[in-house]
Amino acid sequence: MSFSESPARPSAPAILVGVDLGLPHFDAELEELGLLAQTAGLEPVARIVCKRKAPDAALFIGKGKADEIKALAEQTGATEVLFDQALSPAQQRNLERHLDRPVNDRTLLILEIFAQRARSHEGKLQVELARLQYVSTRLVRRWSHLERQTGGAGVRGGPGEKQIELDRRMIGDAIKRTRERLEKVKRQRQTQRRRRERQGSFNISLVGYTNAGKTTLFNGLVKARAYAANQLFATLDTTTRQLYLGEAGGTVSLSDTVGFIRELPHGLIDAFQATLQEAADADLLLHVVDAANPNYPEQIAEVQRVLHEIGASDVPQLLVFNKIDLLDPSQQPLQASDLFELEGVQVPRVFVSGRTSAGLPALRQQLAQQLSQRNAQALPLDHKPEIRETFV
């Protein structure tokens, strides 16, 4: 069975651990880690938060806190421990020996969720590559079978080859094969993009933090039935549909992409490069924000960080503040659209509810303006009509 075909893990009690290292985005309530655990099929039964100036080299949290976690695990019956930060292979191995139970970090949790949710051939390949890369760094004497083998029959002397070396070579070969298959998919996507460019298509990509409501908004705009749920990473595969904008008398290509999250593993960003390239090649990004989430400024910053990393930071954006139906009456926007400062630039913002369709006419009007502006720029100068600038 390939990594990307792993079955959903059964529900199991788990302890959540967070270490405050003085970083501004620290989640003291471990709320997001809890959502990730539940999405992966785990049941958080206890949460522990500690503060350190720097991680302990051996156990990340220090021996005293490790003893406390072990006692709590025995008390609650927890069979797994989840850390909100990335652990080094040595720290993970030492913690498992000390706690006598599996220890995993945020990175592996996200990888497992992606493995459960990937549906398309491309998505499965991307997840498999990311997990293979993750596992390849954790072959340092983690399992008891990694002892040195004896030489083959008829071979005199020689200690033989370590099992770890065989495992590393097998994983290396699997990574190479998966990369080659992904390159083929990437070439196919490039062919599709060139075809759209020749047709003069205006390409719009939905981006945003996971669970911001991108797919629900996508369904509302194009009347599609893409899977949407109130959970993290409900969908991973890119879906593209044509959206007719009667206000501009034209059609645009609208793509729903994978959601971002804080500390998204770099392996996933690399593996999903073919999918994320949709955003980098777009003419306009619809940056969907969960307006009802009090941490939305941090989520916006995280999305911007990933956009910079994939080379999409220069693509024009339209901010879509979604889920206004969940806001208190006192927090409701006074107007359907305004301007929002994003990295020192004023960009248009629209307030909508993908669930109730509130604000969608204003959003369509903004998209029509963008399409009309692009079409006008494609005309000879003496044929251009006057158009009000949308971006400031």
Protein backbone atom coordinates (compact mmCIF):
# COMPACT_ATOMS: atom_id res chain seq x y z
CA MET A 1 0.00 0.00 0.00
CA SER A 2 1.39 3.39 -0.94
CA PHE A 3 1.59 6.16 1.64
CA SER A 4 -1.16 8.17 -0.04
CA GLU A 5 -3.55 5.23 0.17
CA SER A 6 -3.33 4.90 3.94
CA PRO A 7 -6.72 4.26 5.53
CA ALA A 8 -8.17 6.76 7.97
CA ARG A 9 -6.72 6.15 11.39
CA PRO A 10 -9.17 4.96 14.08
CA SER A 11 -10.24 7.31 16.83
CA ALA A 12 -7.73 7.20 19.68
CA PRO A 13 -7.23 9.32 22.83
CA ALA A 14 -4.34 11.75 22.50
CA ILE A 15 -2.60 14.39 24.60
CA LEU A 16 -1.88 17.74 22.95
CA VAL A 17 1.37 19.49 23.83
CA GLY A 18 2.33 23.06 23.01
CA VAL A 19 5.60 24.82 23.83
CA ASP A 20 5.62 28.61 24.04
CA LEU A 21 8.99 29.71 22.67
CA GLY A 22 8.05 33.39 22.66
CA LEU A 23 6.79 33.44 19.08
CA PRO A 24 3.88 35.82 18.36
CA HIS A 25 1.61 33.22 16.76
CA PHE A 26 1.65 30.74 19.67
CA ASP A 27 -1.76 29.11 20.14
CA ALA A 28 -2.06 28.98 23.93
CA GLU A 29 -5.36 27.07 23.76
CA LEU A 30 -4.02 24.57 21.21
CA GLU A 31 -7.31 25.08 19.39
CA GLU A 32 -5.95 24.53 15.90
CA LEU A 33 -3.96 21.46 16.93
CA GLY A 34 -7.14 20.06 18.48
CA LEU A 35 -9.02 20.60 15.21
CA LEU A 36 -6.22 18.93 13.29
CA ALA A 37 -6.30 15.96 15.69
CA GLN A 38 -10.06 15.57 15.35
CA THR A 39 -9.82 15.87 11.57
CA ALA A 40 -7.26 13.04 11.60
CA GLY A 41 -9.61 10.87 13.68
CA LEU A 42 -8.04 11.39 17.11
CA GLU A 43 -9.75 12.40 20.34
CA PRO A 44 -7.93 15.03 22.44
CA VAL A 45 -8.29 14.07 26.11
CA ALA A 46 -5.81 16.50 27.70
CA ARG A 47 -3.74 19.57 26.81
CA ILE A 48 -0.42 20.66 28.25
CA VAL A 49 1.28 24.00 27.58
CA CYS A 50 4.74 24.91 28.83
CA LYS A 51 7.11 27.81 28.30
CA ARG A 52 10.75 27.55 27.33
CA LYS A 53 13.41 29.93 26.04
CA ALA A 54 14.64 27.26 23.64
CA PRO A 55 13.75 23.61 22.90
CA ASP A 56 15.55 20.91 24.86
CA ALA A 57 17.99 19.20 22.50
CA ALA A 58 17.04 15.68 23.62
CA LEU A 59 13.35 15.82 24.59
CA PHE A 60 12.24 19.25 23.27
CA ILE A 61 10.37 19.87 26.56
CA GLY A 62 12.85 18.68 29.19
CA LYS A 63 12.74 15.60 31.42
CA GLY A 64 10.50 17.09 34.14
CA LYS A 65 7.72 18.02 31.72
CA ALA A 66 8.15 14.68 29.92
CA ASP A 67 7.56 12.88 33.22
CA GLU A 68 4.42 14.98 33.75
CA ILE A 69 3.10 14.05 30.30
CA LYS A 70 3.78 10.37 30.94
CA ALA A 71 1.85 10.45 34.21
CA LEU A 72 -1.04 12.28 32.54
CA ALA A 73 -1.10 9.75 29.71
CA GLU A 74 -1.35 6.88 32.15
CA GLN A 75 -4.10 8.71 34.05
CA THR A 76 -6.20 9.54 30.97
CA GLY A 77 -5.46 6.42 28.95
CA ALA A 78 -3.98 8.44 26.10
CA THR A 79 -2.30 6.23 23.53
CA GLU A 80 -0.58 9.00 21.56
CA VAL A 81 1.07 12.37 22.18
CA LEU A 82 0.86 15.21 19.65
CA PHE A 83 3.17 18.23 19.60
CA ASP A 84 2.12 21.54 18.06
CA GLN A 85 5.69 22.16 16.89
CA ALA A 86 7.91 20.19 14.52
CA LEU A 87 10.16 17.67 16.27
CA SER A 88 13.56 16.55 15.06
CA PRO A 89 13.94 12.79 14.41
CA ALA A 90 16.12 12.44 17.52
CA GLN A 91 13.66 14.32 19.75
CA GLN A 92 10.77 12.23 18.47
CA ARG A 93 12.67 9.00 19.05
CA ASN A 94 13.77 10.01 22.58
CA LEU A 95 10.25 11.10 23.54
CA GLU A 96 8.76 7.82 22.37
CA ARG A 97 11.23 5.87 24.48
CA HIS A 98 10.62 8.10 27.50
CA LEU A 99 6.81 8.16 27.22
CA ASP A 100 6.47 4.57 26.03
CA ARG A 101 3.90 5.51 23.40
CA PRO A 102 3.83 7.01 19.89
CA VAL A 103 4.79 10.70 19.63
CA ASN A 104 3.99 12.71 16.53
CA ASP A 105 4.24 16.37 15.59
CA ARG A 106 2.14 18.88 13.72
CA THR A 107 3.91 18.11 10.45
CA LEU A 108 3.00 14.40 10.42
CA LEU A 109 -0.55 15.21 11.51
CA ILE A 110 -1.04 17.48 8.50
CA LEU A 111 0.54 14.90 6.21
CA GLU A 112 -1.84 12.20 7.46
CA ILE A 113 -4.86 14.45 6.94
CA PHE A 114 -3.70 15.16 3.40
CA ALA A 115 -3.26 11.42 2.81
CA GLN A 116 -6.84 10.79 3.95
CA ARG A 117 -8.33 13.60 1.87
CA ALA A 118 -6.48 13.33 -1.45
CA ARG A 119 -8.82 12.01 -4.16
CA SER A 120 -7.27 12.75 -7.54
CA HIS A 121 -4.27 10.93 -8.99
CA GLU A 122 -2.24 14.13 -8.78
CA GLY A 123 -3.23 14.80 -5.17
CA LYS A 124 -2.26 11.28 -4.10
CA LEU A 125 1.11 11.60 -5.81
CA GLN A 126 1.77 14.94 -4.11
CA VAL A 127 0.93 13.59 -0.66
CA GLU A 128 2.96 10.44 -1.23
CA LEU A 129 6.03 12.49 -2.16
CA ALA A 130 5.69 14.70 0.93
CA ARG A 131 5.31 11.72 3.27
CA LEU A 132 8.22 9.85 1.71
CA GLN A 133 10.41 12.92 2.22
CA TYR A 134 9.27 13.16 5.84
CA VAL A 135 9.88 9.47 6.57
CA SER A 136 13.31 9.58 4.92
CA THR A 137 14.55 11.88 7.70
CA ARG A 138 13.37 9.50 10.41
CA LEU A 139 15.30 6.33 9.60
CA VAL A 140 17.99 6.90 12.22
CA ARG A 141 17.67 3.77 14.37
CA ARG A 142 14.01 4.40 15.08
CA TRP A 143 12.94 0.79 14.61
CA SER A 144 14.51 -2.29 16.17
CA HIS A 145 14.85 -4.09 12.81
CA LEU A 146 17.47 -1.63 11.61
CA GLU A 147 20.40 -3.77 12.69
CA ARG A 148 23.24 -4.75 10.37
CA GLN A 149 22.47 -7.75 8.17
CA THR A 150 24.86 -10.68 7.74
CA GLY A 151 26.55 -11.31 4.45
CA GLY A 152 24.86 -13.42 1.81
CA ALA A 153 25.38 -17.13 1.32
CA GLY A 154 28.86 -18.03 0.07
CA VAL A 155 30.26 -14.63 1.01
CA ARG A 156 33.22 -14.72 3.38
CA GLY A 157 33.44 -12.14 6.08
CA GLY A 158 32.08 -8.63 5.67
CA PRO A 159 29.43 -7.27 7.98
CA GLY A 160 26.89 -7.01 5.18
CA GLU A 161 24.61 -4.02 4.65
CA LYS A 162 22.62 -2.28 7.32
CA GLN A 163 18.85 -2.60 7.00
CA ILE A 164 18.67 1.18 7.43
CA GLU A 165 20.71 1.56 4.25
CA LEU A 166 18.31 -0.68 2.36
CA ASP A 167 15.34 1.25 3.69
CA ARG A 168 16.94 4.55 2.77
CA ARG A 169 17.70 3.33 -0.74
CA MET A 170 14.15 2.00 -1.21
CA ILE A 171 12.63 5.29 -0.07
CA GLY A 172 15.07 7.21 -2.27
CA ASP A 173 13.96 5.14 -5.28
CA ALA A 174 10.31 5.71 -4.41
CA ILE A 175 10.89 9.47 -4.13
CA LYS A 176 12.58 9.49 -7.55
CA ARG A 177 9.71 7.57 -9.18
CA THR A 178 7.07 9.80 -7.59
CA ARG A 179 8.91 12.96 -8.68
CA GLU A 180 9.03 11.68 -12.26
CA ARG A 181 5.29 10.96 -12.23
CA LEU A 182 4.58 14.41 -10.79
CA GLU A 183 6.73 16.02 -13.48
CA LYS A 184 4.52 14.36 -16.07
CA VAL A 185 1.43 15.78 -14.34
CA LYS A 186 3.10 19.20 -14.19
CA ARG A 187 3.74 19.13 -17.94
CA GLN A 188 0.10 18.25 -18.54
CA ARG A 189 -1.00 21.21 -16.40
CA GLN A 190 1.35 23.52 -18.28
CA THR A 191 -0.20 22.38 -21.55
CA GLN A 192 -3.66 23.15 -20.17
CA ARG A 193 -2.51 26.61 -19.01
CA ARG A 194 -1.02 27.42 -22.41
CA ARG A 195 -4.30 26.41 -24.03
CA ARG A 196 -6.21 28.77 -21.72
CA GLU A 197 -3.71 31.56 -22.45
CA ARG A 198 -4.16 31.12 -26.20
CA GLN A 199 -7.91 31.34 -25.70
CA GLY A 200 -7.42 34.60 -23.80
CA SER A 201 -9.02 33.21 -20.64
CA PHE A 202 -9.07 35.36 -17.49
CA ASN A 203 -7.92 33.04 -14.70
CA ILE A 204 -9.00 33.53 -11.08
CA SER A 205 -7.78 31.35 -8.19
CA LEU A 206 -9.34 31.08 -4.75
CA VAL A 207 -6.70 31.08 -2.02
CA GLY A 208 -6.91 31.38 1.75
CA TYR A 209 -6.42 29.78 5.13
CA THR A 210 -7.92 26.33 5.53
CA ASN A 211 -11.59 26.30 6.57
CA ALA A 212 -12.11 29.90 5.44
CA GLY A 213 -14.99 28.73 3.25
CA LYS A 214 -13.31 28.76 -0.18
CA THR A 215 -15.13 25.73 -1.55
CA THR A 216 -18.52 26.88 -0.27
CA LEU A 217 -17.92 30.23 -1.97
CA PHE A 218 -16.74 28.44 -5.12
CA ASN A 219 -19.94 26.38 -5.20
CA GLY A 220 -22.04 29.50 -4.71
CA LEU A 221 -20.39 31.34 -7.59
CA VAL A 222 -20.33 28.59 -10.22
CA LYS A 223 -23.26 26.47 -8.97
CA ALA A 224 -20.96 23.49 -8.56
CA ARG A 225 -21.13 20.61 -6.08
CA ALA A 226 -17.52 20.40 -4.94
CA TYR A 227 -17.19 18.78 -1.52
CA ALA A 228 -17.30 21.33 1.30
CA ALA A 229 -17.40 20.77 5.06
CA ASN A 230 -16.74 22.72 8.24
CA GLN A 231 -13.38 21.10 8.87
CA LEU A 232 -9.72 21.63 8.08
CA PHE A 233 -8.56 20.61 4.60
CA ALA A 234 -11.98 19.38 3.51
CA THR A 235 -10.72 19.28 -0.08
CA LEU A 236 -7.22 19.12 -1.52
CA ASP A 237 -7.70 18.76 -5.25
CA THR A 238 -7.90 21.77 -7.52
CA THR A 239 -11.27 22.20 -9.21
CA THR A 240 -11.72 24.60 -12.16
CA ARG A 241 -15.03 25.80 -13.59
CA GLN A 242 -16.15 28.52 -15.98
CA LEU A 243 -17.96 31.48 -14.43
CA TYR A 244 -20.11 33.67 -16.66
CA LEU A 245 -20.21 37.33 -15.62
CA GLY A 246 -23.19 38.91 -17.32
CA GLU A 247 -22.17 42.32 -15.97
CA ALA A 248 -19.08 42.19 -18.19
CA GLY A 249 -20.52 40.01 -20.92
CA GLY A 250 -17.74 37.47 -20.59
CA THR A 251 -16.53 34.30 -18.92
CA VAL A 252 -13.67 33.72 -16.48
CA SER A 253 -11.93 30.54 -15.33
CA LEU A 254 -12.32 30.03 -11.56
CA SER A 255 -10.13 27.55 -9.63
CA ASP A 256 -10.50 26.34 -6.05
CA THR A 257 -7.11 25.44 -4.54
CA VAL A 258 -5.85 23.74 -1.39
CA GLY A 259 -6.05 25.78 1.82
CA PHE A 260 -3.00 27.04 3.70
CA ILE A 261 -2.23 26.68 7.39
CA ARG A 262 0.33 27.94 9.89
CA GLU A 263 3.63 26.09 9.60
CA LEU A 264 2.51 24.25 6.49
CA PRO A 265 5.28 21.66 6.00
CA HIS A 266 7.77 22.74 3.35
CA GLY A 267 7.59 19.24 1.91
CA LEU A 268 3.92 19.80 1.18
CA ILE A 269 4.56 23.16 -0.43
CA ASP A 270 7.19 21.54 -2.65
CA ALA A 271 5.02 18.52 -3.41
CA PHE A 272 1.95 20.62 -4.20
CA GLN A 273 3.91 22.95 -6.46
CA ALA A 274 1.97 21.75 -9.51
CA THR A 275 -1.34 22.58 -7.82
CA LEU A 276 -0.17 25.82 -6.22
CA GLN A 277 1.14 26.93 -9.60
CA GLU A 278 -2.50 27.65 -10.45
CA ALA A 279 -2.30 30.56 -8.00
CA ALA A 280 1.05 31.80 -9.28
CA ASP A 281 -0.21 31.80 -12.89
CA ALA A 282 -3.58 33.42 -12.12
CA ASP A 283 -4.61 36.86 -13.32
CA LEU A 284 -6.40 37.52 -10.02
CA LEU A 285 -6.42 35.91 -6.58
CA LEU A 286 -9.59 35.80 -4.50
CA HIS A 287 -8.06 35.77 -1.03
CA VAL A 288 -10.84 34.30 1.13
CA VAL A 289 -10.73 35.24 4.83
CA ASP A 290 -12.79 33.82 7.71
CA ALA A 291 -14.17 37.13 9.02
CA ALA A 292 -15.64 35.38 12.07
CA ASN A 293 -12.24 34.10 13.23
CA PRO A 294 -10.65 36.53 15.72
CA ASN A 295 -7.20 35.43 14.49
CA TYR A 296 -7.86 36.38 10.87
CA PRO A 297 -4.98 38.94 10.74
CA GLU A 298 -2.49 36.16 11.52
CA GLN A 299 -4.16 33.89 8.99
CA ILE A 300 -3.90 36.59 6.31
CA ALA A 301 -0.20 36.97 7.12
CA GLU A 302 0.35 33.22 6.82
CA VAL A 303 -1.37 33.09 3.43
CA GLN A 304 0.80 35.99 2.26
CA ARG A 305 3.91 34.13 3.41
CA VAL A 306 3.00 31.06 1.36
CA LEU A 307 2.11 33.20 -1.66
CA HIS A 308 5.58 34.76 -1.49
CA GLU A 309 7.11 31.29 -1.26
CA ILE A 310 5.34 29.98 -4.38
CA GLY A 311 6.01 33.11 -6.43
CA ALA A 312 2.44 34.47 -6.38
CA SER A 313 3.03 37.62 -4.31
CA ASP A 314 2.78 39.93 -7.34
CA VAL A 315 -0.59 38.59 -8.54
CA PRO A 316 -3.36 41.18 -7.90
CA GLN A 317 -5.69 40.26 -5.04
CA LEU A 318 -9.29 40.81 -4.10
CA LEU A 319 -9.98 40.17 -0.42
CA VAL A 320 -13.20 38.31 0.30
CA PHE A 321 -14.21 38.47 3.97
CA ASN A 322 -16.42 35.39 4.24
CA LYS A 323 -18.82 34.04 6.93
CA ILE A 324 -20.34 37.42 7.80
CA ASP A 325 -23.48 35.47 8.78
CA LEU A 326 -21.54 34.30 11.88
CA LEU A 327 -20.69 37.84 13.02
CA ASP A 328 -22.57 39.57 15.85
CA PRO A 329 -24.95 42.34 14.73
CA SER A 330 -22.54 44.91 16.16
CA GLN A 331 -19.74 43.52 13.94
CA GLN A 332 -21.67 43.50 10.68
CA PRO A 333 -20.01 45.57 7.90
CA LEU A 334 -21.60 48.94 7.17
CA GLN A 335 -21.12 48.55 3.41
CA ALA A 336 -20.78 45.71 0.94
CA SER A 337 -17.21 46.58 -0.06
CA ASP A 338 -14.34 48.86 0.88
CA LEU A 339 -10.54 48.98 0.80
CA PHE A 340 -8.16 47.01 3.03
CA GLU A 341 -4.45 47.62 3.54
CA LEU A 342 -2.48 44.52 2.61
CA GLU A 343 1.31 44.73 2.94
CA GLY A 344 1.19 48.50 2.52
CA VAL A 345 -1.13 48.43 -0.51
CA GLN A 346 -4.82 49.29 -0.55
CA VAL A 347 -6.76 46.41 -2.15
CA PRO A 348 -10.52 46.03 -2.60
CA ARG A 349 -12.41 44.01 -0.03
CA VAL A 350 -15.89 42.46 -0.32
CA PHE A 351 -17.99 41.10 2.55
CA VAL A 352 -19.90 37.90 1.76
CA SER A 353 -21.41 34.74 3.16
CA GLY A 354 -20.82 31.73 0.97
CA ARG A 355 -23.41 29.81 2.97
CA THR A 356 -26.27 32.32 2.62
CA SER A 357 -25.06 33.95 -0.66
CA ALA A 358 -25.11 37.39 1.00
CA GLY A 359 -22.77 39.78 -0.78
CA LEU A 360 -22.26 37.57 -3.85
CA PRO A 361 -23.77 40.18 -6.24
CA ALA A 362 -21.19 42.73 -5.02
CA LEU A 363 -18.43 40.15 -5.48
CA ARG A 364 -19.58 39.35 -9.01
CA GLN A 365 -19.60 43.09 -9.76
CA GLN A 366 -15.99 43.38 -8.60
CA LEU A 367 -15.00 40.41 -10.77
CA ALA A 368 -16.82 41.93 -13.73
CA GLN A 369 -14.86 45.16 -13.26
CA GLN A 370 -11.61 43.22 -13.28
CA LEU A 371 -12.59 41.36 -16.45
CA SER A 372 -13.71 44.56 -18.17
CA GLN A 373 -10.44 46.26 -17.21
CA ARG A 374 -8.39 43.36 -18.61
CA ASN A 375 -10.42 43.33 -21.84
CA ALA A 376 -10.00 47.11 -22.21
CA GLN A 377 -6.24 46.81 -21.81
CA ALA A 378 -6.21 44.25 -24.61
CA LEU A 379 -7.83 46.75 -27.03
CA PRO A 380 -5.93 49.34 -29.10
CA LEU A 381 -5.48 52.62 -27.23
CA ASP A 382 -7.95 54.53 -29.44
CA HIS A 383 -10.66 51.96 -28.71
CA LYS A 384 -10.35 51.87 -24.91
CA PRO A 385 -13.42 52.98 -22.98
CA GLU A 386 -13.02 54.84 -19.71
CA ILE A 387 -12.90 52.40 -16.80
CA ARG A 388 -12.70 53.17 -13.11
CA GLU A 389 -9.60 51.61 -11.53
CA THR A 390 -10.43 48.87 -9.06
CA PHE A 391 -7.03 48.47 -7.45
CA VAL A 392 -5.50 51.46 -5.65
